Amino acid sequence: MPENWLNERRNKGDVFYCPNGDGRVYHTTTETKLRREKDELERRLASERENTRSARAAAQLEERRARAYKGHATRVRKRAARGLCPCCNATFEDLAAHVADAHPGYADAEVAE
């Protein structure tokens, strides 16, 4: 059989007959294979885009959380610098002594900078 004729049957999936008269057909054509590959690549691309979008959203959320925590820590630090107790909001000249006496567990809490 001529090579170009056989390739055409492979590409289109047309029926052809062997010398004995038996009908043959390529069920999986080149077009079908390429279409399947294309569809699979499109699905993978969409999945990766969704993964990227989710990762960016998670990163933005964590950045906002970090900024909020930093702002809260700054407010508490400034209040303490002015002598305001972070636990009971009372003003004291010697804030360290007040916290040690009235709120003994407060100083043991971990605070990340």
Protein backbone atom coordinates (compact mmCIF):
# COMPACT_ATOMS: atom_id res chain seq x y z
CA MET A 1 0.00 0.00 0.00
CA PRO A 2 1.25 3.48 -0.68
CA GLU A 3 2.46 5.18 2.49
CA ASN A 4 0.52 8.42 1.92
CA TRP A 5 -2.72 6.47 1.31
CA LEU A 6 -2.25 4.49 4.52
CA ASN A 7 -1.42 7.65 6.50
CA GLU A 8 -4.60 9.27 5.21
CA ARG A 9 -6.63 6.32 6.52
CA ARG A 10 -4.85 6.58 9.87
CA ASN A 11 -5.51 10.31 10.12
CA LYS A 12 -9.18 10.20 9.12
CA GLY A 13 -10.18 6.78 10.44
CA ASP A 14 -11.61 5.71 7.05
CA VAL A 15 -12.38 2.07 6.32
CA PHE A 16 -10.00 0.25 4.00
CA TYR A 17 -9.80 -3.35 2.87
CA CYS A 18 -6.95 -5.79 3.06
CA PRO A 19 -6.07 -7.95 0.03
CA ASN A 20 -8.37 -10.70 1.40
CA GLY A 21 -11.31 -8.27 1.38
CA ASP A 22 -11.53 -7.81 5.16
CA GLY A 23 -12.54 -4.31 6.24
CA ARG A 24 -10.06 -2.52 8.46
CA VAL A 25 -10.32 0.78 10.25
CA TYR A 26 -8.10 2.79 12.58
CA HIS A 27 -10.45 3.54 15.46
CA THR A 28 -8.06 5.91 17.17
CA THR A 29 -7.17 8.44 14.55
CA THR A 30 -4.38 10.96 14.73
CA GLU A 31 -6.98 13.71 15.03
CA THR A 32 -8.62 11.93 17.94
CA LYS A 33 -5.30 11.46 19.71
CA LEU A 34 -4.39 15.12 19.23
CA ARG A 35 -7.82 16.26 20.41
CA ARG A 36 -7.50 14.12 23.56
CA GLU A 37 -4.02 15.47 24.25
CA LYS A 38 -5.25 19.03 23.73
CA ASP A 39 -8.21 18.50 26.08
CA GLU A 40 -5.96 16.97 28.72
CA LEU A 41 -3.48 19.85 28.47
CA GLU A 42 -6.31 22.38 28.76
CA ARG A 43 -7.61 20.60 31.89
CA ARG A 44 -4.11 20.58 33.41
CA LEU A 45 -3.61 24.25 32.59
CA ALA A 46 -6.94 25.18 34.17
CA SER A 47 -6.02 23.15 37.25
CA GLU A 48 -2.62 24.83 37.57
CA ARG A 49 -4.21 28.26 37.14
CA GLU A 50 -6.66 27.46 39.94
CA ASN A 51 -3.80 26.23 42.15
CA THR A 52 -1.89 29.45 41.47
CA ARG A 53 -4.96 31.57 42.24
CA SER A 54 -5.54 29.70 45.50
CA ALA A 55 -1.89 30.04 46.54
CA ARG A 56 -1.94 33.79 45.84
CA ALA A 57 -5.15 34.21 47.81
CA ALA A 58 -3.68 32.28 50.75
CA ALA A 59 -0.50 34.37 50.63
CA GLN A 60 -2.51 37.61 50.59
CA LEU A 61 -4.58 36.40 53.55
CA GLU A 62 -1.43 35.63 55.54
CA GLU A 63 0.04 39.03 54.68
CA ARG A 64 -3.13 40.74 55.94
CA ARG A 65 -3.04 38.66 59.12
CA ALA A 66 0.60 39.57 59.71
CA ARG A 67 -0.14 43.29 59.20
CA ALA A 68 -3.09 43.12 61.60
CA TYR A 69 -1.01 41.33 64.23
CA LYS A 70 1.81 43.84 63.84
CA GLY A 71 -0.66 46.74 64.21
CA HIS A 72 -2.15 45.22 67.34
CA ALA A 73 1.30 44.62 68.85
CA THR A 74 2.28 48.23 68.05
CA ARG A 75 -0.84 49.59 69.76
CA VAL A 76 -0.23 47.50 72.87
CA ARG A 77 3.44 48.54 72.98
CA LYS A 78 2.56 52.25 72.65
CA ARG A 79 -0.10 51.96 75.36
CA ALA A 80 2.41 50.30 77.67
CA ALA A 81 4.93 53.06 76.93
CA ARG A 82 2.35 55.61 78.14
CA GLY A 83 1.81 53.64 81.35
CA LEU A 84 -1.57 52.06 80.44
CA CYS A 85 -2.02 48.52 81.67
CA PRO A 86 -2.83 46.21 78.73
CA CYS A 87 -4.98 44.03 80.99
CA CYS A 88 -7.15 46.47 82.93
CA ASN A 89 -6.58 49.78 81.06
CA ALA A 90 -5.61 51.64 84.23
CA THR A 91 -2.74 54.16 84.21
CA PHE A 92 0.28 53.53 86.46
CA GLU A 93 3.57 55.32 87.03
CA ASP A 94 5.38 52.02 87.53
CA LEU A 95 3.62 49.76 85.07
CA ALA A 96 6.14 46.91 85.44
CA ALA A 97 5.48 46.64 89.18
CA HIS A 98 1.68 46.74 88.63
CA VAL A 99 1.76 43.97 86.00
CA ALA A 100 4.04 41.81 88.17
CA ASP A 101 1.71 42.22 91.19
CA ALA A 102 -1.79 42.33 89.67
CA HIS A 103 -1.33 40.22 86.51
CA PRO A 104 1.43 37.69 87.22
CA GLY A 105 0.75 35.39 84.23
CA TYR A 106 0.75 38.20 81.66
CA ALA A 107 4.53 38.58 81.48
CA ASP A 108 4.97 34.86 80.82
CA ALA A 109 2.90 34.93 77.62
CA GLU A 110 4.97 34.68 74.43
CA VAL A 111 4.90 37.71 72.18
CA ALA A 112 6.49 37.44 68.73
CA GLU A 113 7.97 40.57 67.17
